Amino acid sequence: MRFASSYPITTENCGFKETFKHAPVRVVTIGQHETELMLALGLEQKIVGTSVWFGALPDDLKQQGQKLKRLAENAPGFEAVAAQRPDLVLAQYSWHVGPQGEVATRQQFEQLGIRTWISPADCTAKAVTATSNGDGARSEPYSINIIFDEITALARIFNVQACGETLKQKLTDRIAAAQQHIHTPPGLPLKVVYWFSSTRLKGDPWVAGSKGAPGWISKTLGLKNIIDSDEEWPSVTWEYIVKAQPDIIVIASMDRRLYPADDVAIKKQFLETDPVTREISAVKKGHIVVVPAMSLNPSLHNVEAVELIGQQINALTHTR
């Protein structure tokens, strides 16, 4: 067979070496990206538990994922994960399964004979401290190629390389189509800011820095992010944002409700009524774009963000 894996397979992942003597059989996912990646590779039968959900599955994965067992909407407990008897835990973020181990450290899982994997997007050219759950800073800009590399690696581990190659080609084709169809006004690139959420509605918002997934989205669509920071999601004052006068405000939609600003309707109401934010030209013109929160974090959804932002910019600027 052209794409057959040869076991044992040893991989290096976020500073750890893992050896797989066979394709994993029982998998717990901690992070929606990892869940969706498993589904996209046709591996739903191997998932015995999921956790950390931001929103609904995309339409093309809903059928495969309709019977998934949810251990928790946010971070699960270590015991809940171990009780599923997984031979592999896939984590989207290092703060869940890493040095600080909100769920557990990798060593704790290894002591039970459970292999671990952290999405390379959360550790490649990125600094996350062992004592903080912050998103960290990137020393190099994020690229969708990091996700492509993860697809290749997991497809090899699970012996589904043909599915991995097909998935990467589909994503590549979608990116090319989105780039071809976006029509921005002539002249300087449109300025954009990405608002994820805020701990306090009237406090400083978490907005995208220049080197995370939104940075790649902006570059792909020919937009200019007004926030020049290596931090993935820095807190920035609204006064600074008003001074920069973005042409487009992208806001994240999610089912999570840890903070009031997780709600899109509340975000919009705040932008339109706050005496500071209502002076932003994008707010005055109604140039507010909504995308799923997952599409602004490193994931398969980054391609969806490129598509949705491009489509909405076309509609808002009335160009064809």
C-alpha atoms as a PDB file:
ATOM      1  CA  MET A   1       0.000   0.000   0.000  1.00  0.00           C
ATOM      2  CA  ARG A   2       1.397   3.372  -1.024  1.00  0.00           C
ATOM      3  CA  PHE A   3       0.658   5.240   2.218  1.00  0.00           C
ATOM      4  CA  ALA A   4       1.001   2.409   4.784  1.00  0.00           C
ATOM      5  CA  SER A   5       2.760   3.332   8.050  1.00  0.00           C
ATOM      6  CA  SER A   6       5.625   1.263   9.340  1.00  0.00           C
ATOM      7  CA  TYR A   7       5.552   0.795  13.113  1.00  0.00           C
ATOM      8  CA  PRO A   8       7.031   1.533  15.550  1.00  0.00           C
ATOM      9  CA  ILE A   9       6.822   5.279  14.852  1.00  0.00           C
ATOM     10  CA  THR A  10       8.789   7.738  16.973  1.00  0.00           C
ATOM     11  CA  THR A  11       7.826  11.398  16.789  1.00  0.00           C
ATOM     12  CA  GLU A  12       9.033  14.540  18.520  1.00  0.00           C
ATOM     13  CA  ASN A  13       6.219  16.753  19.732  1.00  0.00           C
ATOM     14  CA  CYS A  14       6.645  19.978  21.698  1.00  0.00           C
ATOM     15  CA  GLY A  15       9.864  18.762  23.302  1.00  0.00           C
ATOM     16  CA  PHE A  16       8.685  15.196  23.963  1.00  0.00           C
ATOM     17  CA  LYS A  17       9.501  12.018  22.082  1.00  0.00           C
ATOM     18  CA  GLU A  18       6.657   9.549  21.720  1.00  0.00           C
ATOM     19  CA  THR A  19       6.849   6.034  20.273  1.00  0.00           C
ATOM     20  CA  PHE A  20       3.779   4.339  18.832  1.00  0.00           C
ATOM     21  CA  LYS A  21       3.960   0.564  18.344  1.00  0.00           C
ATOM     22  CA  HIS A  22       0.589   0.633  16.571  1.00  0.00           C
ATOM     23  CA  ALA A  23      -2.119   3.098  15.659  1.00  0.00           C
ATOM     24  CA  PRO A  24      -3.848   4.424  18.817  1.00  0.00           C
ATOM     25  CA  VAL A  25      -7.230   2.844  19.497  1.00  0.00           C
ATOM     26  CA  ARG A  26      -8.757   4.974  22.271  1.00  0.00           C
ATOM     27  CA  VAL A  27      -8.305   8.754  22.116  1.00  0.00           C
ATOM     28  CA  VAL A  28      -9.419  11.626  24.354  1.00  0.00           C
ATOM     29  CA  THR A  29      -9.308  15.098  22.821  1.00  0.00           C
ATOM     30  CA  ILE A  30      -8.782  18.201  24.958  1.00  0.00           C
ATOM     31  CA  GLY A  31      -9.496  21.018  22.538  1.00  0.00           C
ATOM     32  CA  GLN A  32     -11.991  21.403  19.701  1.00  0.00           C
ATOM     33  CA  HIS A  33      -9.287  21.658  17.045  1.00  0.00           C
ATOM     34  CA  GLU A  34      -7.976  18.196  17.897  1.00  0.00           C
ATOM     35  CA  THR A  35     -11.518  16.792  17.897  1.00  0.00           C
ATOM     36  CA  GLU A  36     -12.234  18.264  14.471  1.00  0.00           C
ATOM     37  CA  LEU A  37      -8.896  17.107  13.084  1.00  0.00           C
ATOM     38  CA  MET A  38      -9.682  13.536  14.139  1.00  0.00           C
ATOM     39  CA  LEU A  39     -13.102  13.789  12.491  1.00  0.00           C
ATOM     40  CA  ALA A  40     -11.650  15.282   9.313  1.00  0.00           C
ATOM     41  CA  LEU A  41      -9.275  12.300   9.092  1.00  0.00           C
ATOM     42  CA  GLY A  42     -12.202   9.860   9.438  1.00  0.00           C
ATOM     43  CA  LEU A  43     -11.143   8.719  12.923  1.00  0.00           C
ATOM     44  CA  GLU A  44     -14.360   9.389  14.868  1.00  0.00           C
ATOM     45  CA  GLN A  45     -14.632   5.749  15.978  1.00  0.00           C
ATOM     46  CA  LYS A  46     -11.417   6.117  17.967  1.00  0.00           C
ATOM     47  CA  ILE A  47     -12.615   9.116  20.027  1.00  0.00           C
ATOM     48  CA  VAL A  48     -13.783   8.016  23.500  1.00  0.00           C
ATOM     49  CA  GLY A  49     -14.117  11.482  25.027  1.00  0.00           C
ATOM     50  CA  THR A  50     -13.900  15.173  24.105  1.00  0.00           C
ATOM     51  CA  SER A  51     -13.601  18.482  25.960  1.00  0.00           C
ATOM     52  CA  VAL A  52     -12.908  22.233  25.589  1.00  0.00           C
ATOM     53  CA  TRP A  53     -15.598  23.320  23.140  1.00  0.00           C
ATOM     54  CA  PHE A  54     -15.968  26.860  21.726  1.00  0.00           C
ATOM     55  CA  GLY A  55     -18.924  26.202  19.436  1.00  0.00           C
ATOM     56  CA  ALA A  56     -20.736  23.789  17.167  1.00  0.00           C
ATOM     57  CA  LEU A  57     -18.981  21.528  14.704  1.00  0.00           C
ATOM     58  CA  PRO A  58     -18.835  22.779  11.106  1.00  0.00           C
ATOM     59  CA  ASP A  59     -21.529  21.375   8.838  1.00  0.00           C
ATOM     60  CA  ASP A  60     -19.196  18.957   7.055  1.00  0.00           C
ATOM     61  CA  LEU A  61     -18.254  17.280  10.372  1.00  0.00           C
ATOM     62  CA  LYS A  62     -21.575  17.313  12.232  1.00  0.00           C
ATOM     63  CA  GLN A  63     -22.686  13.860  11.159  1.00  0.00           C
ATOM     64  CA  GLN A  64     -19.415  12.199  12.165  1.00  0.00           C
ATOM     65  CA  GLY A  65     -19.391  14.042  15.485  1.00  0.00           C
ATOM     66  CA  GLN A  66     -23.025  13.797  16.549  1.00  0.00           C
ATOM     67  CA  LYS A  67     -22.433  10.935  19.004  1.00  0.00           C
ATOM     68  CA  LEU A  68     -19.201  12.155  20.549  1.00  0.00           C
ATOM     69  CA  LYS A  69     -18.968  11.877  24.325  1.00  0.00           C
ATOM     70  CA  ARG A  70     -18.317  15.229  26.006  1.00  0.00           C
ATOM     71  CA  LEU A  71     -16.384  14.918  29.241  1.00  0.00           C
ATOM     72  CA  ALA A  72     -16.597  18.685  29.812  1.00  0.00           C
ATOM     73  CA  GLU A  73     -17.392  21.835  27.889  1.00  0.00           C
ATOM     74  CA  ASN A  74     -14.190  23.388  29.209  1.00  0.00           C
ATOM     75  CA  ALA A  75     -11.170  21.715  30.842  1.00  0.00           C
ATOM     76  CA  PRO A  76     -11.925  18.185  32.138  1.00  0.00           C
ATOM     77  CA  GLY A  77     -10.550  16.689  35.327  1.00  0.00           C
ATOM     78  CA  PHE A  78      -7.579  14.338  35.181  1.00  0.00           C
ATOM     79  CA  GLU A  79      -9.652  11.491  36.625  1.00  0.00           C
ATOM     80  CA  ALA A  80     -12.382  11.985  34.012  1.00  0.00           C
ATOM     81  CA  VAL A  81      -9.839  11.652  31.222  1.00  0.00           C
ATOM     82  CA  ALA A  82      -8.032   8.661  32.753  1.00  0.00           C
ATOM     83  CA  ALA A  83     -11.365   6.885  33.335  1.00  0.00           C
ATOM     84  CA  GLN A  84     -11.844   6.592  29.557  1.00  0.00           C
ATOM     85  CA  ARG A  85      -8.732   4.367  29.423  1.00  0.00           C
ATOM     86  CA  PRO A  86      -7.197   6.228  26.481  1.00  0.00           C
ATOM     87  CA  ASP A  87      -3.936   5.200  24.904  1.00  0.00           C
ATOM     88  CA  LEU A  88      -3.521   8.730  23.545  1.00  0.00           C
ATOM     89  CA  VAL A  89      -4.570  12.212  24.723  1.00  0.00           C
ATOM     90  CA  LEU A  90      -4.584  14.958  22.092  1.00  0.00           C
ATOM     91  CA  ALA A  91      -4.456  18.506  23.471  1.00  0.00           C
ATOM     92  CA  GLN A  92      -4.899  21.756  21.581  1.00  0.00           C
ATOM     93  CA  TYR A  93      -3.193  23.912  24.214  1.00  0.00           C
ATOM     94  CA  SER A  94      -0.096  23.329  26.310  1.00  0.00           C
ATOM     95  CA  TRP A  95      -1.709  24.905  29.372  1.00  0.00           C
ATOM     96  CA  HIS A  96      -4.099  21.926  29.546  1.00  0.00           C
ATOM     97  CA  VAL A  97      -1.458  19.214  29.139  1.00  0.00           C
ATOM     98  CA  GLY A  98       1.911  20.816  29.714  1.00  0.00           C
ATOM     99  CA  PRO A  99       4.229  22.151  32.419  1.00  0.00           C
ATOM    100  CA  GLN A 100       1.418  23.918  34.284  1.00  0.00           C
ATOM    101  CA  GLY A 101      -1.059  21.105  33.576  1.00  0.00           C
ATOM    102  CA  GLU A 102      -4.536  22.530  34.151  1.00  0.00           C
ATOM    103  CA  VAL A 103      -5.741  18.987  33.371  1.00  0.00           C
ATOM    104  CA  ALA A 104      -2.463  17.169  34.041  1.00  0.00           C
ATOM    105  CA  THR A 105       1.176  17.232  33.025  1.00  0.00           C
ATOM    106  CA  ARG A 106       2.401  15.014  30.250  1.00  0.00           C
ATOM    107  CA  GLN A 107       4.406  13.075  32.830  1.00  0.00           C
ATOM    108  CA  GLN A 108       1.253  12.259  34.809  1.00  0.00           C
ATOM    109  CA  PHE A 109      -0.343  10.718  31.737  1.00  0.00           C
ATOM    110  CA  GLU A 110       2.877   8.919  30.778  1.00  0.00           C
ATOM    111  CA  GLN A 111       2.994   7.290  34.229  1.00  0.00           C
ATOM    112  CA  LEU A 112      -0.320   5.625  33.343  1.00  0.00           C
ATOM    113  CA  GLY A 113       1.013   4.478  29.977  1.00  0.00           C
ATOM    114  CA  ILE A 114      -0.992   7.138  28.127  1.00  0.00           C
ATOM    115  CA  ARG A 115       0.741   8.848  25.209  1.00  0.00           C
ATOM    116  CA  THR A 116       0.226  12.601  24.775  1.00  0.00           C
ATOM    117  CA  TRP A 117       0.227  15.056  21.878  1.00  0.00           C
ATOM    118  CA  ILE A 118       0.008  18.849  21.931  1.00  0.00           C
ATOM    119  CA  SER A 119      -0.868  20.712  18.752  1.00  0.00           C
ATOM    120  CA  PRO A 120       2.473  21.938  17.336  1.00  0.00           C
ATOM    121  CA  ALA A 121       0.808  25.309  16.658  1.00  0.00           C
ATOM    122  CA  ASP A 122       0.892  25.932  20.416  1.00  0.00           C
ATOM    123  CA  CYS A 123       4.617  25.359  20.817  1.00  0.00           C
ATOM    124  CA  THR A 124       6.294  26.084  17.475  1.00  0.00           C
ATOM    125  CA  ALA A 125       8.246  29.365  17.751  1.00  0.00           C
ATOM    126  CA  LYS A 126       6.049  30.278  20.706  1.00  0.00           C
ATOM    127  CA  ALA A 127       6.860  31.001  24.345  1.00  0.00           C
ATOM    128  CA  VAL A 128       4.346  29.974  27.004  1.00  0.00           C
ATOM    129  CA  THR A 129       5.519  30.208  30.612  1.00  0.00           C
ATOM    130  CA  ALA A 130       5.142  27.330  33.021  1.00  0.00           C
ATOM    131  CA  THR A 131       3.291  29.479  35.536  1.00  0.00           C
ATOM    132  CA  SER A 132       0.796  31.250  33.325  1.00  0.00           C
ATOM    133  CA  ASN A 133      -2.237  30.239  31.324  1.00  0.00           C
ATOM    134  CA  GLY A 134      -1.647  33.131  28.936  1.00  0.00           C
ATOM    135  CA  ASP A 135      -1.512  32.573  25.202  1.00  0.00           C
ATOM    136  CA  GLY A 136       2.144  33.547  25.035  1.00  0.00           C
ATOM    137  CA  ALA A 137       4.234  35.324  22.404  1.00  0.00           C
ATOM    138  CA  ARG A 138       5.432  34.098  19.021  1.00  0.00           C
ATOM    139  CA  SER A 139       9.011  34.603  17.833  1.00  0.00           C
ATOM    140  CA  GLU A 140       7.956  33.771  14.261  1.00  0.00           C
ATOM    141  CA  PRO A 141       4.644  34.384  12.463  1.00  0.00           C
ATOM    142  CA  TYR A 142       2.130  31.554  12.486  1.00  0.00           C
ATOM    143  CA  SER A 143       1.336  29.866   9.173  1.00  0.00           C
ATOM    144  CA  ILE A 144      -1.334  27.348   8.167  1.00  0.00           C
ATOM    145  CA  ASN A 145       1.621  25.116   7.223  1.00  0.00           C
ATOM    146  CA  ILE A 146       1.948  24.276  10.922  1.00  0.00           C
ATOM    147  CA  ILE A 147      -1.545  22.755  10.787  1.00  0.00           C
ATOM    148  CA  PHE A 148      -0.649  20.961   7.550  1.00  0.00           C
ATOM    149  CA  ASP A 149       2.396  19.465   9.278  1.00  0.00           C
ATOM    150  CA  GLU A 150       0.191  18.288  12.149  1.00  0.00           C
ATOM    151  CA  ILE A 151      -2.187  16.654   9.667  1.00  0.00           C
ATOM    152  CA  THR A 152       0.767  14.823   8.116  1.00  0.00           C
ATOM    153  CA  ALA A 153       2.095  13.662  11.492  1.00  0.00           C
ATOM    154  CA  LEU A 154      -1.223  12.424  12.903  1.00  0.00           C
ATOM    155  CA  ALA A 155      -2.180  10.782   9.608  1.00  0.00           C
ATOM    156  CA  ARG A 156       1.061   8.810   9.837  1.00  0.00           C
ATOM    157  CA  ILE A 157       0.516   7.885  13.490  1.00  0.00           C
ATOM    158  CA  PHE A 158      -2.996   6.627  12.718  1.00  0.00           C
ATOM    159  CA  ASN A 159      -2.027   5.067   9.370  1.00  0.00           C
ATOM    160  CA  VAL A 160      -4.423   7.207   7.315  1.00  0.00           C
ATOM    161  CA  GLN A 161      -1.921   9.079   5.144  1.00  0.00           C
ATOM    162  CA  ALA A 162      -4.176   9.103   2.072  1.00  0.00           C
ATOM    163  CA  CYS A 163      -6.887  10.883   4.082  1.00  0.00           C
ATOM    164  CA  GLY A 164      -4.320  13.387   5.310  1.00  0.00           C
ATOM    165  CA  GLU A 165      -3.136  14.232   1.802  1.00  0.00           C
ATOM    166  CA  THR A 166      -6.725  14.629   0.588  1.00  0.00           C
ATOM    167  CA  LEU A 167      -7.558  16.936   3.519  1.00  0.00           C
ATOM    168  CA  LYS A 168      -4.535  19.168   2.877  1.00  0.00           C
ATOM    169  CA  GLN A 169      -5.402  19.493  -0.805  1.00  0.00           C
ATOM    170  CA  LYS A 170      -9.000  20.464  -0.022  1.00  0.00           C
ATOM    171  CA  LEU A 171      -7.825  23.163   2.385  1.00  0.00           C
ATOM    172  CA  THR A 172      -5.270  24.463  -0.117  1.00  0.00           C
ATOM    173  CA  ASP A 173      -7.940  24.727  -2.816  1.00  0.00           C
ATOM    174  CA  ARG A 174     -10.293  26.607  -0.485  1.00  0.00           C
ATOM    175  CA  ILE A 175      -7.600  29.135   0.440  1.00  0.00           C
ATOM    176  CA  ALA A 176      -6.800  29.781  -3.214  1.00  0.00           C
ATOM    177  CA  ALA A 177     -10.495  30.262  -4.053  1.00  0.00           C
ATOM    178  CA  ALA A 178     -10.999  32.718  -1.171  1.00  0.00           C
ATOM    179  CA  GLN A 179      -7.994  34.771  -2.256  1.00  0.00           C
ATOM    180  CA  GLN A 180      -9.287  34.894  -5.801  1.00  0.00           C
ATOM    181  CA  HIS A 181     -12.777  36.060  -4.829  1.00  0.00           C
ATOM    182  CA  ILE A 182     -12.034  38.815  -2.295  1.00  0.00           C
ATOM    183  CA  HIS A 183     -12.366  42.342  -3.723  1.00  0.00           C
ATOM    184  CA  THR A 184     -10.989  45.102  -1.510  1.00  0.00           C
ATOM    185  CA  PRO A 185     -11.136  48.803  -2.443  1.00  0.00           C
ATOM    186  CA  PRO A 186      -8.094  50.130  -4.376  1.00  0.00           C
ATOM    187  CA  GLY A 187      -5.371  51.946  -2.476  1.00  0.00           C
ATOM    188  CA  LEU A 188      -3.961  51.162   0.947  1.00  0.00           C
ATOM    189  CA  PRO A 189      -4.894  47.798   2.522  1.00  0.00           C
ATOM    190  CA  LEU A 190      -7.940  47.769   4.777  1.00  0.00           C
ATOM    191  CA  LYS A 191      -7.004  48.053   8.461  1.00  0.00           C
ATOM    192  CA  VAL A 192      -8.478  45.366  10.714  1.00  0.00           C
ATOM    193  CA  VAL A 193      -8.657  44.512  14.414  1.00  0.00           C
ATOM    194  CA  TYR A 194      -9.719  41.119  15.789  1.00  0.00           C
ATOM    195  CA  TRP A 195     -11.642  41.159  19.109  1.00  0.00           C
ATOM    196  CA  PHE A 196     -11.829  37.770  20.812  1.00  0.00           C
ATOM    197  CA  SER A 197     -13.268  38.613  24.245  1.00  0.00           C
ATOM    198  CA  SER A 198     -12.570  40.564  27.471  1.00  0.00           C
ATOM    199  CA  THR A 199     -12.515  39.725  31.164  1.00  0.00           C
ATOM    200  CA  ARG A 200     -14.534  42.909  31.780  1.00  0.00           C
ATOM    201  CA  LEU A 201     -16.692  44.474  29.113  1.00  0.00           C
ATOM    202  CA  LYS A 202     -15.457  48.005  29.863  1.00  0.00           C
ATOM    203  CA  GLY A 203     -11.901  46.819  30.355  1.00  0.00           C
ATOM    204  CA  ASP A 204      -9.146  46.335  27.803  1.00  0.00           C
ATOM    205  CA  PRO A 205     -10.176  43.812  25.129  1.00  0.00           C
ATOM    206  CA  TRP A 206      -8.180  40.776  24.063  1.00  0.00           C
ATOM    207  CA  VAL A 207      -7.295  41.484  20.462  1.00  0.00           C
ATOM    208  CA  ALA A 208      -5.109  39.582  18.038  1.00  0.00           C
ATOM    209  CA  GLY A 209      -1.422  40.301  17.817  1.00  0.00           C
ATOM    210  CA  SER A 210       0.378  40.335  14.485  1.00  0.00           C
ATOM    211  CA  LYS A 211       2.006  36.886  14.614  1.00  0.00           C
ATOM    212  CA  GLY A 212      -0.868  34.560  15.529  1.00  0.00           C
ATOM    213  CA  ALA A 213      -3.504  32.925  13.320  1.00  0.00           C
ATOM    214  CA  PRO A 214      -5.250  36.273  12.588  1.00  0.00           C
ATOM    215  CA  GLY A 215      -1.895  37.548  11.343  1.00  0.00           C
ATOM    216  CA  TRP A 216      -1.828  34.755   8.762  1.00  0.00           C
ATOM    217  CA  ILE A 217      -5.484  35.431   7.896  1.00  0.00           C
ATOM    218  CA  SER A 218      -4.731  39.135   7.352  1.00  0.00           C
ATOM    219  CA  LYS A 219      -1.715  38.389   5.162  1.00  0.00           C
ATOM    220  CA  THR A 220      -3.674  35.851   3.128  1.00  0.00           C
ATOM    221  CA  LEU A 221      -6.452  38.380   2.434  1.00  0.00           C
ATOM    222  CA  GLY A 222      -4.217  41.420   1.975  1.00  0.00           C
ATOM    223  CA  LEU A 223      -5.404  43.179   5.157  1.00  0.00           C
ATOM    224  CA  LYS A 224      -3.372  45.124   7.748  1.00  0.00           C
ATOM    225  CA  ASN A 225      -3.733  44.229  11.426  1.00  0.00           C
ATOM    226  CA  ILE A 226      -3.519  47.459  13.462  1.00  0.00           C
ATOM    227  CA  ILE A 227      -2.012  45.593  16.448  1.00  0.00           C
ATOM    228  CA  ASP A 228       1.751  45.109  16.104  1.00  0.00           C
ATOM    229  CA  SER A 229       2.540  42.721  18.955  1.00  0.00           C
ATOM    230  CA  ASP A 230       4.267  39.352  19.282  1.00  0.00           C
ATOM    231  CA  GLU A 231       1.722  38.399  21.947  1.00  0.00           C
ATOM    232  CA  GLU A 232      -0.969  36.131  20.525  1.00  0.00           C
ATOM    233  CA  TRP A 233      -3.884  37.873  22.290  1.00  0.00           C
ATOM    234  CA  PRO A 234      -2.638  41.018  24.061  1.00  0.00           C
ATOM    235  CA  SER A 235      -4.899  43.329  26.047  1.00  0.00           C
ATOM    236  CA  VAL A 236      -5.063  46.696  24.288  1.00  0.00           C
ATOM    237  CA  THR A 237      -6.947  49.854  25.292  1.00  0.00           C
ATOM    238  CA  TRP A 238      -9.961  50.963  23.303  1.00  0.00           C
ATOM    239  CA  GLU A 239      -8.388  54.405  23.139  1.00  0.00           C
ATOM    240  CA  TYR A 240      -5.489  52.940  21.155  1.00  0.00           C
ATOM    241  CA  ILE A 241      -7.889  51.143  18.822  1.00  0.00           C
ATOM    242  CA  VAL A 242      -9.927  54.315  18.268  1.00  0.00           C
ATOM    243  CA  LYS A 243      -6.743  56.227  17.419  1.00  0.00           C
ATOM    244  CA  ALA A 244      -5.776  53.550  14.870  1.00  0.00           C
ATOM    245  CA  GLN A 245      -9.262  53.718  13.278  1.00  0.00           C
ATOM    246  CA  PRO A 246      -9.622  50.211  11.820  1.00  0.00           C
ATOM    247  CA  ASP A 247     -11.733  49.864   8.672  1.00  0.00           C
ATOM    248  CA  ILE A 248     -13.000  46.440   9.755  1.00  0.00           C
ATOM    249  CA  ILE A 249     -13.649  44.946  13.205  1.00  0.00           C
ATOM    250  CA  VAL A 250     -13.698  41.152  13.329  1.00  0.00           C
ATOM    251  CA  ILE A 251     -15.400  39.737  16.426  1.00  0.00           C
ATOM    252  CA  ALA A 252     -15.402  36.162  17.646  1.00  0.00           C
ATOM    253  CA  SER A 253     -18.603  34.178  18.059  1.00  0.00           C
ATOM    254  CA  MET A 254     -18.629  31.341  20.587  1.00  0.00           C
ATOM    255  CA  ASP A 255     -20.938  29.231  22.731  1.00  0.00           C
ATOM    256  CA  ARG A 256     -18.621  29.686  25.722  1.00  0.00           C
ATOM    257  CA  ARG A 257     -19.889  32.125  28.370  1.00  0.00           C
ATOM    258  CA  LEU A 258     -16.992  32.615  30.775  1.00  0.00           C
ATOM    259  CA  TYR A 259     -17.139  36.388  30.237  1.00  0.00           C
ATOM    260  CA  PRO A 260     -19.923  38.769  29.110  1.00  0.00           C
ATOM    261  CA  ALA A 261     -17.890  39.682  26.021  1.00  0.00           C
ATOM    262  CA  ASP A 262     -18.037  36.057  24.854  1.00  0.00           C
ATOM    263  CA  ASP A 263     -21.515  36.963  23.525  1.00  0.00           C
ATOM    264  CA  VAL A 264     -21.530  38.526  20.032  1.00  0.00           C
ATOM    265  CA  ALA A 265     -24.700  40.532  20.723  1.00  0.00           C
ATOM    266  CA  ILE A 266     -23.124  42.066  23.820  1.00  0.00           C
ATOM    267  CA  LYS A 267     -19.940  42.846  21.889  1.00  0.00           C
ATOM    268  CA  LYS A 268     -21.931  44.657  19.188  1.00  0.00           C
ATOM    269  CA  GLN A 269     -24.055  46.573  21.697  1.00  0.00           C
ATOM    270  CA  PHE A 270     -20.941  47.710  23.522  1.00  0.00           C
ATOM    271  CA  LEU A 271     -19.243  48.887  20.325  1.00  0.00           C
ATOM    272  CA  GLU A 272     -22.311  50.866  19.279  1.00  0.00           C
ATOM    273  CA  THR A 273     -23.106  52.493  22.644  1.00  0.00           C
ATOM    274  CA  ASP A 274     -19.814  53.023  24.472  1.00  0.00           C
ATOM    275  CA  PRO A 275     -18.773  56.706  24.124  1.00  0.00           C
ATOM    276  CA  VAL A 276     -15.252  55.681  23.106  1.00  0.00           C
ATOM    277  CA  THR A 277     -15.856  52.756  20.742  1.00  0.00           C
ATOM    278  CA  ARG A 278     -18.780  54.323  18.912  1.00  0.00           C
ATOM    279  CA  GLU A 279     -16.287  56.829  17.463  1.00  0.00           C
ATOM    280  CA  ILE A 280     -14.503  54.091  15.495  1.00  0.00           C
ATOM    281  CA  SER A 281     -15.227  54.530  11.780  1.00  0.00           C
ATOM    282  CA  ALA A 282     -15.825  50.785  11.355  1.00  0.00           C
ATOM    283  CA  VAL A 283     -18.558  50.967  14.012  1.00  0.00           C
ATOM    284  CA  LYS A 284     -20.163  54.036  12.436  1.00  0.00           C
ATOM    285  CA  LYS A 285     -20.253  52.320   9.030  1.00  0.00           C
ATOM    286  CA  GLY A 286     -21.378  48.961  10.418  1.00  0.00           C
ATOM    287  CA  HIS A 287     -18.220  47.289   9.142  1.00  0.00           C
ATOM    288  CA  ILE A 288     -18.309  44.526  11.758  1.00  0.00           C
ATOM    289  CA  VAL A 289     -17.491  40.985  10.679  1.00  0.00           C
ATOM    290  CA  VAL A 290     -18.432  37.924  12.754  1.00  0.00           C
ATOM    291  CA  VAL A 291     -16.522  34.628  12.606  1.00  0.00           C
ATOM    292  CA  PRO A 292     -16.412  31.546  14.852  1.00  0.00           C
ATOM    293  CA  ALA A 293     -13.905  31.871  17.701  1.00  0.00           C
ATOM    294  CA  MET A 294     -12.195  28.648  16.646  1.00  0.00           C
ATOM    295  CA  SER A 295     -11.368  30.219  13.293  1.00  0.00           C
ATOM    296  CA  LEU A 296      -9.143  32.803  15.018  1.00  0.00           C
ATOM    297  CA  ASN A 297      -7.102  30.207  16.894  1.00  0.00           C
ATOM    298  CA  PRO A 298      -4.646  27.916  15.071  1.00  0.00           C
ATOM    299  CA  SER A 299      -6.891  25.233  13.606  1.00  0.00           C
ATOM    300  CA  LEU A 300      -8.531  23.873  10.473  1.00  0.00           C
ATOM    301  CA  HIS A 301     -11.017  26.739  10.933  1.00  0.00           C
ATOM    302  CA  ASN A 302      -8.412  29.304   9.843  1.00  0.00           C
ATOM    303  CA  VAL A 303      -9.424  28.473   6.276  1.00  0.00           C
ATOM    304  CA  GLU A 304     -13.056  29.139   7.183  1.00  0.00           C
ATOM    305  CA  ALA A 305     -12.049  32.540   8.594  1.00  0.00           C
ATOM    306  CA  VAL A 306     -10.359  33.460   5.322  1.00  0.00           C
ATOM    307  CA  GLU A 307     -13.539  32.528   3.457  1.00  0.00           C
ATOM    308  CA  LEU A 308     -15.991  34.247   5.819  1.00  0.00           C
ATOM    309  CA  ILE A 309     -14.002  37.460   6.240  1.00  0.00           C
ATOM    310  CA  GLY A 310     -13.481  37.714   2.495  1.00  0.00           C
ATOM    311  CA  GLN A 311     -17.189  37.192   1.800  1.00  0.00           C
ATOM    312  CA  GLN A 312     -18.293  39.715   4.426  1.00  0.00           C
ATOM    313  CA  ILE A 313     -15.788  42.351   3.310  1.00  0.00           C
ATOM    314  CA  ASN A 314     -17.125  41.993  -0.239  1.00  0.00           C
ATOM    315  CA  ALA A 315     -20.668  42.544   1.039  1.00  0.00           C
ATOM    316  CA  LEU A 316     -19.760  45.480   3.307  1.00  0.00           C
ATOM    317  CA  THR A 317     -17.718  47.384   0.750  1.00  0.00           C
ATOM    318  CA  HIS A 318     -20.190  46.646  -2.091  1.00  0.00           C
ATOM    319  CA  THR A 319     -17.431  45.718  -4.496  1.00  0.00           C
ATOM    320  CA  ARG A 320     -17.627  42.967  -7.038  1.00  0.00           C
END
